[in-house]
Protein backbone atom coordinates (compact mmCIF):
# COMPACT_ATOMS: atom_id res chain seq x y z
CA UNK A 1 7.18 -16.70 -26.12
CA UNK A 2 4.39 -17.81 -23.82
CA UNK A 3 1.38 -15.48 -24.22
CA UNK A 4 0.09 -13.64 -21.15
CA UNK A 5 -3.59 -12.89 -20.62
CA UNK A 6 -4.44 -10.02 -18.28
CA UNK A 7 -8.08 -9.89 -17.21
CA UNK A 8 -9.28 -6.39 -16.39
CA UNK A 9 -12.47 -6.49 -14.31
CA UNK A 10 -14.08 -3.09 -14.78
CA UNK A 11 -16.93 -0.92 -16.09
CA UNK A 12 -16.46 -0.94 -19.91
CA UNK A 13 -13.80 -0.61 -22.60
CA UNK A 14 -13.17 1.42 -25.74
CA UNK A 15 -11.83 -1.54 -27.71
CA UNK A 16 -11.18 0.62 -30.77
CA UNK A 17 -8.68 2.92 -29.05
CA UNK A 18 -5.29 2.73 -30.76
CA UNK A 19 -3.57 1.66 -27.54
CA UNK A 20 -6.00 -1.20 -26.90
CA UNK A 21 -7.14 -2.51 -30.27
CA UNK A 22 -4.13 -4.70 -31.09
CA UNK A 23 -4.06 -6.28 -27.66
CA UNK A 24 -7.63 -7.35 -27.01
CA UNK A 25 -8.11 -11.02 -26.23
CA UNK A 26 -9.79 -13.14 -28.89
CA UNK A 27 -11.38 -16.40 -27.84
CA UNK A 28 -9.94 -19.02 -30.24
CA UNK A 29 -12.68 -21.49 -29.39
CA UNK A 30 -15.58 -19.24 -30.46
CA UNK A 31 -16.88 -18.49 -33.98
CA UNK A 32 -17.84 -14.85 -34.38
CA UNK A 33 -21.55 -13.98 -34.36
CA UNK A 34 -22.91 -17.47 -34.98
CA UNK A 35 -25.09 -17.19 -31.86
CA UNK A 36 -23.69 -20.44 -30.50
CA UNK A 37 -21.67 -21.33 -27.44
CA UNK A 38 -18.96 -23.06 -29.46
CA UNK A 39 -16.63 -23.73 -26.53
CA UNK A 40 -19.44 -24.79 -24.18
CA UNK A 41 -18.36 -22.43 -21.43
CA UNK A 42 -21.85 -21.02 -20.85
CA UNK A 43 -21.28 -17.76 -22.77
CA UNK A 44 -22.57 -17.31 -26.32
CA UNK A 45 -20.14 -15.49 -28.64
CA UNK A 46 -17.77 -14.31 -25.93
CA UNK A 47 -15.22 -13.39 -28.59
CA UNK A 48 -13.58 -10.44 -26.80
CA UNK A 49 -14.52 -11.03 -23.17
CA UNK A 50 -17.94 -10.83 -21.58
CA UNK A 51 -20.41 -8.32 -20.17
CA UNK A 52 -21.33 -10.03 -16.91
CA UNK A 53 -23.92 -7.44 -15.90
CA UNK A 54 -25.85 -7.41 -19.22
CA UNK A 55 -25.14 -11.06 -20.05
CA UNK A 56 -23.79 -10.53 -23.54
CA UNK A 57 -20.51 -10.31 -25.43
CA UNK A 58 -20.50 -6.53 -25.82
CA UNK A 59 -17.93 -5.04 -23.43
CA UNK A 60 -17.86 -1.65 -25.17
CA UNK A 61 -18.86 1.67 -23.62
CA UNK A 62 -22.63 2.30 -23.87
CA UNK A 63 -23.53 4.96 -26.43
CA UNK A 64 -23.20 8.55 -25.15
CA UNK A 65 -22.04 7.39 -21.70
CA UNK A 66 -18.29 7.90 -22.16
CA UNK A 67 -18.00 10.20 -19.15
CA UNK A 68 -19.53 7.58 -16.83
CA UNK A 69 -17.87 4.48 -18.32
CA UNK A 70 -14.24 5.62 -18.57
CA UNK A 71 -12.52 3.51 -15.94
CA UNK A 72 -11.93 0.23 -17.77
CA UNK A 73 -10.34 1.99 -20.74
CA UNK A 74 -8.08 3.94 -18.38
CA UNK A 75 -6.93 0.82 -16.52
CA UNK A 76 -6.36 -1.39 -19.58
CA UNK A 77 -4.43 1.34 -21.40
CA UNK A 78 -2.24 2.13 -18.38
CA UNK A 79 -1.25 -1.53 -18.15
CA UNK A 80 -0.36 -1.59 -21.84
CA UNK A 81 1.61 1.67 -21.65
CA UNK A 82 3.86 0.12 -18.99
CA UNK A 83 4.47 -2.80 -21.34
CA UNK A 84 5.03 -0.43 -24.27
CA UNK A 85 7.82 1.33 -22.42
CA UNK A 86 9.52 -1.81 -21.14
CA UNK A 87 9.15 -4.42 -23.91
CA UNK A 88 10.01 -4.87 -27.56
CA UNK A 89 7.26 -5.48 -30.13
CA UNK A 90 7.58 -9.25 -30.16
CA UNK A 91 7.11 -9.42 -26.39
CA UNK A 92 4.30 -6.90 -26.41
CA UNK A 93 2.40 -8.82 -29.07
CA UNK A 94 2.19 -11.82 -26.77
CA UNK A 95 0.19 -9.86 -24.16
CA UNK A 96 -3.59 -9.78 -24.40
CA UNK A 97 -6.14 -7.85 -22.36
CA UNK A 98 -9.25 -9.86 -21.46
CA UNK A 99 -11.99 -7.23 -20.95
CA UNK A 100 -14.59 -8.24 -18.36
CA UNK A 101 -17.44 -5.74 -18.05
CA UNK A 102 -19.14 -5.78 -14.64
CA UNK A 103 -21.35 -2.66 -14.81
CA UNK A 104 -24.70 -2.66 -16.56
CA UNK A 105 -25.28 -0.24 -19.44
CA UNK A 106 -28.21 1.18 -17.46
CA UNK A 107 -26.33 1.63 -14.17
CA UNK A 108 -26.80 5.00 -12.48
CA UNK A 109 -23.59 4.83 -10.45
CA UNK A 110 -20.15 3.32 -10.88
CA UNK A 111 -20.36 0.65 -8.18
CA UNK A 112 -19.09 -2.61 -9.71
CA UNK A 113 -21.63 -4.90 -8.11
CA UNK A 114 -20.70 -7.86 -10.35
CA UNK A 115 -16.94 -7.65 -9.76
CA UNK A 116 -16.59 -11.11 -8.25
CA UNK A 117 -18.70 -12.68 -11.00
CA UNK A 118 -16.17 -11.11 -13.36
CA UNK A 119 -13.34 -12.77 -11.47
CA UNK A 120 -15.16 -16.10 -11.90
CA UNK A 121 -15.24 -15.57 -15.67
CA UNK A 122 -11.56 -14.58 -15.77
CA UNK A 123 -10.55 -17.73 -13.90
CA UNK A 124 -12.59 -19.92 -16.24
CA UNK A 125 -10.99 -18.27 -19.28
CA UNK A 126 -7.51 -19.07 -18.01
CA UNK A 127 -6.24 -15.57 -17.22
CA UNK A 128 -2.66 -15.30 -15.96
CA UNK A 129 -3.18 -12.01 -14.14
CA UNK A 130 -6.39 -10.44 -12.81
CA UNK A 131 -6.50 -6.68 -12.24
CA UNK A 132 -9.14 -5.45 -9.79
CA UNK A 133 -8.63 -1.67 -9.75
CA UNK A 134 -11.63 -1.28 -7.43
CA UNK A 135 -12.59 -2.14 -3.87
CA UNK A 136 -15.31 -1.91 -1.28
CA UNK A 137 -17.83 -3.66 0.88
CA UNK A 138 -17.21 -6.94 2.62
CA UNK A 139 -16.29 -10.27 1.06
CA UNK A 140 -18.40 -13.36 1.52
CA UNK A 141 -16.95 -16.82 2.15
CA UNK A 142 -17.77 -17.71 -1.46
CA UNK A 143 -15.91 -14.67 -2.76
CA UNK A 144 -12.89 -15.45 -0.61
CA UNK A 145 -12.93 -19.01 -1.92
CA UNK A 146 -12.96 -17.60 -5.43
CA UNK A 147 -9.73 -15.67 -4.80
CA UNK A 148 -8.16 -18.75 -3.24
CA UNK A 149 -9.12 -20.76 -6.34
CA UNK A 150 -7.49 -18.18 -8.61
CA UNK A 151 -4.24 -18.40 -6.66
CA UNK A 152 -4.33 -22.19 -6.62
CA UNK A 153 -4.55 -22.09 -10.42
CA UNK A 154 -1.46 -19.88 -10.63
CA UNK A 155 -3.22 -16.55 -11.25
CA UNK A 156 -1.78 -13.36 -9.74
CA UNK A 157 -4.53 -11.07 -8.44
CA UNK A 158 -3.88 -7.35 -7.86
CA UNK A 159 -6.29 -5.06 -5.99
CA UNK A 160 -6.74 -1.42 -5.04
CA UNK A 161 -6.82 -0.60 -1.31
CA UNK A 162 -9.46 2.14 -1.77
CA UNK A 163 -9.76 5.91 -2.13
CA UNK A 164 -11.31 7.09 1.15
CA UNK A 165 -8.14 8.26 2.92
CA UNK A 166 -8.73 5.69 5.64
CA UNK A 167 -6.49 3.28 7.50
CA UNK A 168 -8.32 0.37 5.95
CA UNK A 169 -7.69 -2.00 3.06
CA UNK A 170 -10.91 -3.06 1.38
CA UNK A 171 -11.56 -6.36 -0.42
CA UNK A 172 -10.57 -7.87 -2.71
CA UNK A 173 -7.18 -6.26 -1.92
CA UNK A 174 -7.53 -7.22 1.76
CA UNK A 175 -7.84 -10.94 0.98
CA UNK A 176 -4.94 -13.29 1.61
CA UNK A 177 -2.57 -13.49 -1.35
CA UNK A 178 -3.98 -10.51 -3.27
CA UNK A 179 -1.36 -7.82 -3.96
CA UNK A 180 -2.75 -4.69 -2.27
CA UNK A 181 -1.71 -1.41 -3.89
CA UNK A 182 -1.91 2.19 -2.66
CA UNK A 183 -1.01 5.44 -4.43
CA UNK A 184 1.66 8.13 -4.10
CA UNK A 185 1.96 11.52 -5.77
CA UNK A 186 4.82 13.07 -7.75
CA UNK A 187 6.55 14.05 -4.48
CA UNK A 188 6.44 10.45 -3.21
CA UNK A 189 3.81 11.28 -0.62
CA UNK A 190 0.69 9.21 -0.16
CA UNK A 191 -2.05 10.84 -2.23
CA UNK A 192 -4.71 12.66 -0.24
CA UNK A 193 -7.44 10.16 -1.11
CA UNK A 194 -5.52 6.88 -0.94
CA UNK A 195 -6.25 4.34 1.78
CA UNK A 196 -3.36 2.77 3.69
CA UNK A 197 -2.63 0.19 6.36
CA UNK A 198 -0.39 -2.70 7.36
CA UNK A 199 -2.13 -4.98 4.86
CA UNK A 200 -0.85 -2.79 1.99
CA UNK A 201 1.86 -4.49 -0.09
CA UNK A 202 3.12 -1.93 -2.60
CA UNK A 203 2.68 1.66 -3.69
CA UNK A 204 2.91 3.20 -7.15
CA UNK A 205 2.16 6.59 -8.71
CA UNK A 206 -1.49 7.56 -8.57
CA UNK A 207 -1.27 11.16 -9.71
CA UNK A 208 -1.36 12.28 -13.36
CA UNK A 209 -0.81 8.82 -14.82
CA UNK A 210 -1.10 8.88 -18.63
CA UNK A 211 -3.96 6.77 -20.03
CA UNK A 212 -6.33 6.43 -22.99
CA UNK A 213 -9.49 8.53 -23.05
CA UNK A 214 -12.92 6.96 -23.34
CA UNK A 215 -14.17 9.64 -25.78
CA UNK A 216 -12.25 8.82 -28.97
CA UNK A 217 -9.72 6.42 -30.44
CA UNK A 218 -6.58 8.54 -30.28
CA UNK A 219 -6.54 11.01 -27.38
CA UNK A 220 -4.92 10.51 -24.01
CA UNK A 221 -5.94 11.69 -20.56
CA UNK A 222 -4.73 11.27 -16.99
CA UNK A 223 -5.74 8.68 -14.45
CA UNK A 224 -5.31 8.99 -10.71
CA UNK A 225 -5.95 7.33 -7.38
CA UNK A 226 -5.22 3.79 -6.26
CA UNK A 227 -6.85 2.52 -9.47
CA UNK A 228 -4.09 4.01 -11.61
CA UNK A 229 -1.45 2.71 -9.18
CA UNK A 230 -2.97 -0.78 -9.36
CA UNK A 231 -2.82 -0.68 -13.16
CA UNK A 232 0.87 0.30 -13.06
CA UNK A 233 1.70 -2.60 -10.73
CA UNK A 234 -0.28 -4.95 -12.98
CA UNK A 235 1.77 -3.80 -15.97
CA UNK A 236 5.00 -4.27 -14.02
CA UNK A 237 4.06 -7.85 -13.14
CA UNK A 238 3.32 -8.59 -16.79
CA UNK A 239 6.75 -7.24 -17.76
CA UNK A 240 8.42 -9.48 -15.19
CA UNK A 241 6.50 -12.52 -16.45
CA UNK A 242 7.68 -11.81 -19.99
CA UNK A 243 11.28 -11.33 -18.86
CA UNK A 244 11.38 -14.57 -16.87
CA UNK A 245 8.81 -16.99 -18.30
CA UNK A 246 10.12 -19.86 -16.19
CA UNK A 247 9.82 -17.94 -12.91
CA UNK A 248 6.97 -18.98 -10.63
CA UNK A 249 4.57 -16.45 -9.14
CA UNK A 250 6.31 -16.49 -5.77
CA UNK A 251 9.57 -15.36 -7.37
CA UNK A 252 7.82 -12.70 -9.47
CA UNK A 253 6.19 -11.22 -6.37
CA UNK A 254 9.39 -11.56 -4.34
CA UNK A 255 11.26 -9.59 -6.99
CA UNK A 256 8.81 -6.71 -6.62
CA UNK A 257 8.75 -6.67 -2.82
CA UNK A 258 12.52 -6.99 -2.39
CA UNK A 259 13.47 -4.18 -4.77
CA UNK A 260 11.06 -1.39 -3.80
CA UNK A 261 12.03 2.09 -2.64
CA UNK A 262 10.83 2.54 0.98
CA UNK A 263 8.99 5.85 1.46
CA UNK A 264 8.72 6.09 5.26
CA UNK A 265 10.91 9.22 5.45
CA UNK A 266 8.56 11.07 3.13
CA UNK A 267 5.48 9.64 4.88
CA UNK A 268 6.32 9.42 8.56
CA UNK A 269 2.64 9.46 9.56
CA UNK A 270 2.05 6.38 7.42
CA UNK A 271 5.23 4.49 8.37
CA UNK A 272 4.72 0.78 7.82
CA UNK A 273 1.36 1.37 6.15
CA UNK A 274 2.42 1.85 2.51
CA UNK A 275 3.73 -1.66 1.95
CA UNK A 276 7.35 -2.43 1.23
CA UNK A 277 7.58 0.76 -0.84
CA UNK A 278 7.38 2.12 -4.39
CA UNK A 279 7.78 -0.38 -7.20
CA UNK A 280 11.12 -0.14 -9.05
CA UNK A 281 10.72 -2.18 -12.22
CA UNK A 282 14.35 -1.89 -13.35
CA UNK A 283 15.61 -3.28 -10.05
CA UNK A 284 12.99 -6.03 -10.09
CA UNK A 285 14.17 -7.09 -13.56
CA UNK A 286 17.77 -7.26 -12.34
CA UNK A 287 16.65 -9.32 -9.37
CA UNK A 288 14.98 -11.84 -11.67
CA UNK A 289 17.67 -12.06 -14.30
CA UNK A 290 20.74 -12.09 -12.03
CA UNK A 291 20.00 -14.60 -9.27
CA UNK A 292 23.58 -14.53 -8.00
CA UNK A 293 23.07 -10.92 -6.88
CA UNK A 294 19.64 -11.23 -5.25
CA UNK A 295 20.88 -11.08 -1.67
CA UNK A 296 22.49 -7.68 -2.38
CA UNK A 297 19.08 -6.10 -2.96
CA UNK A 298 18.22 -6.44 0.73
CA UNK A 299 17.23 -3.01 2.07
CA UNK A 300 17.36 -2.62 5.87
CA UNK A 301 14.86 0.26 5.74
CA UNK A 302 12.07 -1.79 4.13
CA UNK A 303 9.11 -2.56 6.38
CA UNK A 304 8.52 -5.96 4.78
CA UNK A 305 10.60 -8.24 2.62
CA UNK A 306 12.96 -11.20 2.53
CA UNK A 307 16.44 -11.98 3.76
CA UNK A 308 18.13 -14.36 1.31
CA UNK A 309 20.80 -16.46 2.98
CA UNK A 310 23.32 -18.30 0.83
CA UNK A 311 27.00 -19.06 0.64
CA UNK A 312 29.23 -17.99 -2.16
CA UNK A 313 30.07 -14.88 -4.14
CA UNK A 314 28.23 -11.74 -3.02
CA UNK A 315 26.86 -13.48 0.07
CA UNK A 316 26.20 -11.55 3.29
CA UNK A 317 26.83 -12.75 6.83
CA UNK A 318 24.62 -10.37 8.83
CA UNK A 319 21.53 -8.26 8.22
CA UNK A 320 19.91 -5.33 9.96
CA UNK A 321 16.19 -4.61 9.85
CA UNK A 322 15.97 -0.91 10.66
CA UNK A 323 13.00 0.79 8.96
CA UNK A 324 12.49 4.51 9.43
CA UNK A 325 9.77 5.30 11.98
CA UNK A 326 8.40 3.70 15.14
CA UNK A 327 7.08 0.15 15.34
CA UNK A 328 5.81 -2.30 17.92
CA UNK A 329 7.32 -5.54 16.64
CA UNK A 330 9.23 -7.23 13.86
CA UNK A 331 7.73 -10.57 12.84
CA UNK A 332 10.32 -12.95 11.42
CA UNK A 333 9.76 -16.41 9.94
CA UNK A 334 11.27 -19.03 7.64
CA UNK A 335 8.49 -20.13 5.26
CA UNK A 336 10.69 -22.50 3.25
CA UNK A 337 12.39 -24.00 6.29
CA UNK A 338 14.50 -27.07 5.66
CA UNK A 339 15.04 -29.53 8.50
CA UNK A 340 18.70 -29.92 7.66
CA UNK A 341 19.24 -26.38 8.95
CA UNK A 342 17.29 -26.95 12.18
CA UNK A 343 20.36 -26.94 14.44
CA UNK A 344 22.09 -23.98 12.78
CA UNK A 345 22.72 -21.31 15.40
CA UNK A 346 21.16 -17.91 14.76
CA UNK A 347 21.54 -14.74 16.82
CA UNK A 348 19.10 -11.83 16.88
CA UNK A 349 20.05 -8.58 18.62
CA UNK A 350 17.83 -5.58 19.31
CA UNK A 351 19.19 -2.11 20.02
CA UNK A 352 19.41 -2.85 23.73
CA UNK A 353 20.34 -6.50 24.02
CA UNK A 354 20.75 -9.96 22.57
CA UNK A 355 17.13 -10.99 22.09
CA UNK A 356 17.58 -14.57 20.85
CA UNK A 357 20.44 -16.95 20.41
CA UNK A 358 19.52 -20.51 19.54
CA UNK A 359 18.60 -23.01 16.84
CA UNK A 360 17.14 -21.79 13.58
CA UNK A 361 14.23 -24.23 14.02
CA UNK A 362 12.49 -21.64 16.23
CA UNK A 363 11.79 -19.53 13.12
CA UNK A 364 9.78 -22.35 11.58
CA UNK A 365 6.84 -21.18 13.70
CA UNK A 366 7.82 -17.51 13.54
CA UNK A 367 9.40 -15.14 16.03
CA UNK A 368 8.13 -11.77 17.24
CA UNK A 369 10.85 -9.26 18.13
CA UNK A 370 9.47 -6.48 20.39
CA UNK A 371 11.26 -3.56 18.72
CA UNK A 372 11.55 -1.82 15.39
CA UNK A 373 15.20 -2.85 14.99
CA UNK A 374 16.87 -6.24 14.71
CA UNK A 375 20.33 -7.45 13.72
CA UNK A 376 20.47 -11.03 12.47
CA UNK A 377 23.66 -13.07 12.24
CA UNK A 378 25.03 -16.60 12.42
CA UNK A 379 27.66 -17.04 15.16
CA UNK A 380 29.20 -19.95 13.26
CA UNK A 381 29.39 -18.86 9.59
CA UNK A 382 30.57 -22.33 8.54
CA UNK A 383 27.24 -23.82 9.61
CA UNK A 384 24.95 -21.11 8.25
CA UNK A 385 22.37 -22.28 5.68
CA UNK A 386 23.46 -22.50 2.07
CA UNK A 387 20.08 -21.51 0.67
CA UNK A 388 17.30 -20.18 2.88
CA UNK A 389 14.85 -17.29 2.86
CA UNK A 390 13.63 -15.47 5.97
CA UNK A 391 10.62 -13.19 5.57
CA UNK A 392 9.64 -10.35 7.85
CA UNK A 393 7.20 -7.53 8.33
CA UNK A 394 6.95 -4.79 10.93
CA UNK A 395 3.92 -4.20 13.10
CA UNK A 396 2.96 -0.54 13.22
CA UNK A 397 1.87 1.44 16.23
CA UNK A 398 -1.27 3.50 16.57
CA UNK A 399 -0.46 6.86 14.95
CA UNK A 400 -2.33 8.65 17.73
CA UNK A 401 0.49 7.57 20.08
CA UNK A 402 3.39 8.08 17.67
CA UNK A 403 4.66 11.19 19.47
CA UNK A 404 2.70 10.98 22.73
CA UNK A 405 0.97 8.14 24.54
CA UNK A 406 -0.02 9.57 27.91
CA UNK A 407 -0.76 12.86 29.67
CA UNK A 408 2.39 14.77 30.52
CA UNK A 409 2.57 16.97 33.63
CA UNK A 410 4.56 20.19 34.09
CA UNK A 411 5.05 22.00 37.41
CA UNK A 412 8.20 24.04 36.74
CA UNK A 413 7.94 27.82 36.83
CA UNK A 414 8.46 27.94 33.06
CA UNK A 415 8.97 25.58 30.18
CA UNK A 416 8.40 24.64 26.56
CA UNK A 417 5.84 22.24 25.13
CA UNK A 418 5.68 21.11 21.51
CA UNK A 419 3.82 18.55 19.43
CA UNK A 420 6.74 16.11 19.77
CA UNK A 421 7.41 15.35 16.10
CA UNK A 422 10.73 17.22 15.95
CA UNK A 423 11.74 17.97 12.36
CA UNK A 424 8.99 15.69 10.98
CA UNK A 425 5.35 16.52 10.50
CA UNK A 426 3.09 15.59 13.39
CA UNK A 427 1.09 12.37 13.07
CA UNK A 428 -2.41 11.78 11.79
CA UNK A 429 -5.06 11.06 14.42
CA UNK A 430 -2.98 12.56 17.21
CA UNK A 431 -4.74 13.16 20.50
CA UNK A 432 -2.15 14.45 22.96
CA UNK A 433 -2.51 16.20 26.33
CA UNK A 434 -0.15 18.25 28.50
CA UNK A 435 -1.12 19.36 32.03
CA UNK A 436 0.50 22.51 33.50
CA UNK A 437 0.08 23.01 37.25
CA UNK A 438 0.97 26.23 39.12
CA UNK A 439 0.70 26.98 42.86
CA UNK A 440 -2.70 28.12 44.09
CA UNK A 441 -3.28 31.82 43.43
CA UNK A 442 -0.93 31.88 40.41
CA UNK A 443 -1.76 32.00 36.68
CA UNK A 444 -0.17 30.52 33.57
CA UNK A 445 0.88 32.66 30.59
CA UNK A 446 1.26 30.97 27.19
CA UNK A 447 2.96 32.24 24.02
CA UNK A 448 3.42 30.41 20.70
CA UNK A 449 6.73 31.05 18.86
CA UNK A 450 5.77 28.40 16.25
CA UNK A 451 2.42 27.38 14.76
CA UNK A 452 1.82 25.34 11.61
CA UNK A 453 -1.18 23.00 11.57
CA UNK A 454 -3.91 22.24 9.05
CA UNK A 455 -6.10 25.33 9.30
CA UNK A 456 -9.55 24.89 10.86
CA UNK A 457 -8.92 21.16 11.23
CA UNK A 458 -5.96 20.31 13.50
CA UNK A 459 -6.33 22.37 16.69
CA UNK A 460 -4.35 23.15 19.81
CA UNK A 461 -7.01 23.53 22.52
CA UNK A 462 -6.28 25.32 25.82
CA UNK A 463 -8.55 24.72 28.82
CA UNK A 464 -8.60 25.98 32.39
CA UNK A 465 -8.33 23.13 34.86
CA UNK A 466 -7.61 19.50 34.01
CA UNK A 467 -10.58 18.49 31.85
CA UNK A 468 -11.69 19.19 28.27
CA UNK A 469 -14.99 20.80 29.32
CA UNK A 470 -16.39 23.37 26.84
CA UNK A 471 -17.14 25.89 29.59
CA UNK A 472 -13.46 25.79 30.63
CA UNK A 473 -12.12 26.54 27.13
CA UNK A 474 -9.69 29.48 27.00
CA UNK A 475 -8.76 29.36 23.31
CA UNK A 476 -8.14 27.07 20.34
CA UNK A 477 -5.64 27.70 17.54
CA UNK A 478 -4.82 26.27 14.11
CA UNK A 479 -3.20 27.34 10.85
CA UNK A 480 0.12 29.12 10.34
CA UNK A 481 -0.50 32.48 12.06
CA UNK A 482 1.20 33.00 15.43
CA UNK A 483 -1.56 33.08 18.09
CA UNK A 484 -1.87 35.89 20.64
CA UNK A 485 -0.62 35.49 24.20
CA UNK A 486 -3.15 33.87 26.52
CA UNK A 487 -3.33 33.80 30.32
CA UNK A 488 -5.27 31.22 32.31
CA UNK A 489 -8.05 32.11 34.73
CA UNK A 490 -6.96 29.47 37.23
CA UNK A 491 -3.73 27.82 38.43
CA UNK A 492 -4.12 24.90 36.00
CA UNK A 493 -4.05 24.60 32.21
CA UNK A 494 -4.71 21.58 30.01
CA UNK A 495 -3.25 21.72 26.48
CA UNK A 496 -4.88 19.29 24.06
CA UNK A 497 -3.73 18.70 20.48
CA UNK A 498 -6.00 16.82 18.05
CA UNK A 499 -5.33 16.07 14.35
CA UNK A 500 -7.50 14.29 11.79
CA UNK A 501 -6.70 11.50 9.32
CA UNK A 502 -5.49 13.55 6.37
CA UNK A 503 -3.04 16.45 6.04
CA UNK A 504 -0.23 16.95 8.57
CA UNK A 505 2.17 19.88 8.90
CA UNK A 506 5.29 20.96 10.78
CA UNK A 507 3.54 21.39 14.12
CA UNK A 508 3.72 23.89 16.95
CA UNK A 509 5.63 25.01 20.03
CA UNK A 510 4.51 26.99 23.06
CA UNK A 511 6.38 28.61 25.93
CA UNK A 512 4.68 28.93 29.29
CA UNK A 513 5.55 30.68 32.53
CA UNK A 514 3.83 31.00 35.87
CA UNK A 515 2.81 34.57 36.67
CA UNK A 516 1.00 36.39 39.46
């Protein structure tokens, strides 16, 4: 079986831990402790990896600094525990962890300033997979070129999107071709700290993930965040490589993306921003090992993936892309387009109409469908392609306009106003306004039959008039307690709802009526 080398670029490693010790990479071209660079790679005695920051071959945790240098051990062990659960001993023995230490022994914080230098070393050592369970800063042209070089050499690079609860994917995960991973909790919700965004590819558990401790050689602990999720995805990729050694990287990645479990229903505020969904390793293995059934794994609710078109047993003749949530566009293309299919007739319908009917050649350059739903079919099944892949992804909308996108005006004598999310939680970063106008000389009375927002954070503001001027503020409410009845001082009221980027809840409802 072809051996697999997984480079873990991180702070330090407890090489003696029972989970790690049998799977640490050994450089066959170096002679131990002879103080020579036997393989002429520029690193003297890099037997078990290299400490980039301290320029030596010792990748172990500095003495008495186990609490600060725990991360590399956690990541490497999590990868191996995935392999332990999925592989037999003979397969597992062919996997080696290449430890690359990129934090100096004297460092006062955990920022991995030498991360990209570590990637350079991993490339030169011939790693098959590079795990970057870290992120941050901006990437230089040189660093981007480094990632491109890794991919050109057939290395799969996995990165963490970040742990700042922001709609932003940080490098190296943000770079083209890197698999960007975010984290979910045990309820399949995005974890509170995990970043998110359209650039995200996959999500995996990032809450209470079992891992090796940095303090001794036998105990276990728990890892969390997008780092732990990135390690789990790295382990899954290694399992797939072992199961299908002849599969190229494109097929390995395709098998992950096309078999995920979409989580938009559980994460409506992050719809389209958690990648194609949660990794399902069992399904991915079936996808790889049973090619005749691959088209059946198509999931219409996925926000990104592939449509596999072929003729024969288990083939499909039409496909719907219908992810849960609201989206601006669906972007559809044929990356492996074959000219012999150029004249094949394809039809694309949206919910309202037939959007496109014409030759398949149009998809060579890509097609943008201005809705979050599309039905794809071939009017003449006899002339549909025998073997073609269409890829797609959805373009998300600004969450601040998910349930409202303009001021709404009310002039009836009574009515009901609510946050607009229905049975779902309201959206992150909402900023919604409702204007109530009564005849001159009248007032507006407001009562809340429902109230459930993040306390002291997501507020319903009520102003006299039509502007959010502090002096005109009547009241502001949040939390789960029903607010008292309020009455305006003038004939106009502006209701303004604002939520932040983190927790969302069921929302609120108010009833108003015009009174004397």
